[in-house]
Amino acid sequence: MNKLVKMMALLLLLAMNTAVQAQEAVATTDNAGLMRSNGRIYVVVAVVVTILLGLFAYVFSLDRKITRLEKNS
């Protein structure tokens, strides 16, 4: 049990280290600023919003179909 706890702590520390390094890399490149200056960030936001709206509509329609099937059976 003690060995398992040590292993989990090591994995947690490694994951935190990876996350910190990834944040530093993003902070140095500043791709968002470049995309904002070119006006392309709005295209990215529009695509993400469109995909999310499509997913929500699909889940909503699927829920209605399942509810209808449950009532019929």
C-alpha atoms as a PDB file:
ATOM      1  CA  MET A   1       0.000   0.000   0.000  1.00  0.00           C
ATOM      2  CA  ASN A   2       2.818   2.368   0.884  1.00  0.00           C
ATOM      3  CA  LYS A   3       4.506   1.685  -2.455  1.00  0.00           C
ATOM      4  CA  LEU A   4       1.254   2.471  -4.272  1.00  0.00           C
ATOM      5  CA  VAL A   5       0.934   5.827  -2.502  1.00  0.00           C
ATOM      6  CA  LYS A   6       4.515   6.728  -3.416  1.00  0.00           C
ATOM      7  CA  MET A   7       3.910   5.792  -7.044  1.00  0.00           C
ATOM      8  CA  MET A   8       0.721   7.866  -7.220  1.00  0.00           C
ATOM      9  CA  ALA A   9       2.514  10.868  -5.674  1.00  0.00           C
ATOM     10  CA  LEU A  10       5.311  10.533  -8.220  1.00  0.00           C
ATOM     11  CA  LEU A  11       2.824  10.398 -11.110  1.00  0.00           C
ATOM     12  CA  LEU A  12       0.998  13.436  -9.747  1.00  0.00           C
ATOM     13  CA  LEU A  13       4.233  15.430  -9.499  1.00  0.00           C
ATOM     14  CA  LEU A  14       5.238  14.425 -13.027  1.00  0.00           C
ATOM     15  CA  ALA A  15       1.843  15.498 -14.364  1.00  0.00           C
ATOM     16  CA  MET A  16       2.092  18.847 -12.591  1.00  0.00           C
ATOM     17  CA  ASN A  17       5.603  19.371 -13.978  1.00  0.00           C
ATOM     18  CA  THR A  18       4.383  18.673 -17.514  1.00  0.00           C
ATOM     19  CA  ALA A  19       1.494  21.107 -17.108  1.00  0.00           C
ATOM     20  CA  VAL A  20       3.794  23.874 -15.893  1.00  0.00           C
ATOM     21  CA  GLN A  21       6.178  23.379 -18.798  1.00  0.00           C
ATOM     22  CA  ALA A  22       3.277  23.471 -21.256  1.00  0.00           C
ATOM     23  CA  GLN A  23       2.023  26.743 -19.785  1.00  0.00           C
ATOM     24  CA  GLU A  24       5.477  28.299 -20.088  1.00  0.00           C
ATOM     25  CA  ALA A  25       5.681  27.292 -23.753  1.00  0.00           C
ATOM     26  CA  VAL A  26       2.290  28.849 -24.470  1.00  0.00           C
ATOM     27  CA  ALA A  27       3.232  32.045 -22.661  1.00  0.00           C
ATOM     28  CA  THR A  28       6.402  32.493 -24.695  1.00  0.00           C
ATOM     29  CA  THR A  29       4.896  31.938 -28.148  1.00  0.00           C
ATOM     30  CA  ASP A  30       1.791  34.123 -27.674  1.00  0.00           C
ATOM     31  CA  ASN A  31      -0.113  32.625 -30.597  1.00  0.00           C
ATOM     32  CA  ALA A  32      -3.370  34.165 -29.384  1.00  0.00           C
ATOM     33  CA  GLY A  33      -1.945  37.666 -29.761  1.00  0.00           C
ATOM     34  CA  LEU A  34      -0.782  36.899 -33.271  1.00  0.00           C
ATOM     35  CA  MET A  35      -4.156  35.465 -34.252  1.00  0.00           C
ATOM     36  CA  ARG A  36      -5.956  38.396 -32.647  1.00  0.00           C
ATOM     37  CA  SER A  37      -3.872  40.864 -34.650  1.00  0.00           C
ATOM     38  CA  ASN A  38      -4.658  39.008 -37.891  1.00  0.00           C
ATOM     39  CA  GLY A  39      -8.371  38.722 -37.064  1.00  0.00           C
ATOM     40  CA  ARG A  40      -8.286  34.924 -37.296  1.00  0.00           C
ATOM     41  CA  ILE A  41      -9.175  34.397 -33.648  1.00  0.00           C
ATOM     42  CA  TYR A  42     -12.764  35.256 -34.518  1.00  0.00           C
ATOM     43  CA  VAL A  43     -12.832  32.479 -37.108  1.00  0.00           C
ATOM     44  CA  VAL A  44     -11.554  29.996 -34.535  1.00  0.00           C
ATOM     45  CA  VAL A  45     -14.142  31.135 -31.984  1.00  0.00           C
ATOM     46  CA  ALA A  46     -16.916  30.888 -34.593  1.00  0.00           C
ATOM     47  CA  VAL A  47     -15.903  27.336 -35.524  1.00  0.00           C
ATOM     48  CA  VAL A  48     -15.731  26.239 -31.874  1.00  0.00           C
ATOM     49  CA  VAL A  49     -19.136  27.786 -31.111  1.00  0.00           C
ATOM     50  CA  THR A  50     -20.653  26.134 -34.196  1.00  0.00           C
ATOM     51  CA  ILE A  51     -19.309  22.725 -33.192  1.00  0.00           C
ATOM     52  CA  LEU A  52     -20.558  23.109 -29.613  1.00  0.00           C
ATOM     53  CA  LEU A  53     -24.012  24.226 -30.747  1.00  0.00           C
ATOM     54  CA  GLY A  54     -24.185  21.226 -33.074  1.00  0.00           C
ATOM     55  CA  LEU A  55     -23.235  18.871 -30.261  1.00  0.00           C
ATOM     56  CA  PHE A  56     -25.814  20.388 -27.905  1.00  0.00           C
ATOM     57  CA  ALA A  57     -28.522  20.136 -30.581  1.00  0.00           C
ATOM     58  CA  TYR A  58     -27.611  16.489 -31.224  1.00  0.00           C
ATOM     59  CA  VAL A  59     -27.711  15.605 -27.525  1.00  0.00           C
ATOM     60  CA  PHE A  60     -31.041  17.418 -27.110  1.00  0.00           C
ATOM     61  CA  SER A  61     -32.605  15.588 -30.065  1.00  0.00           C
ATOM     62  CA  LEU A  62     -31.193  12.280 -28.850  1.00  0.00           C
ATOM     63  CA  ASP A  63     -32.696  12.905 -25.408  1.00  0.00           C
ATOM     64  CA  ARG A  64     -36.106  13.590 -26.966  1.00  0.00           C
ATOM     65  CA  LYS A  65     -35.920  10.375 -29.010  1.00  0.00           C
ATOM     66  CA  ILE A  66     -34.943   8.298 -25.970  1.00  0.00           C
ATOM     67  CA  THR A  67     -37.743   9.849 -23.912  1.00  0.00           C
ATOM     68  CA  ARG A  68     -40.236   9.030 -26.676  1.00  0.00           C
ATOM     69  CA  LEU A  69     -38.967   5.422 -26.835  1.00  0.00           C
ATOM     70  CA  GLU A  70     -39.238   5.049 -23.048  1.00  0.00           C
ATOM     71  CA  LYS A  71     -42.836   6.249 -23.112  1.00  0.00           C
ATOM     72  CA  ASN A  72     -43.746   3.786 -25.878  1.00  0.00           C
ATOM     73  CA  SER A  73     -42.282   0.747 -24.147  1.00  0.00           C
END
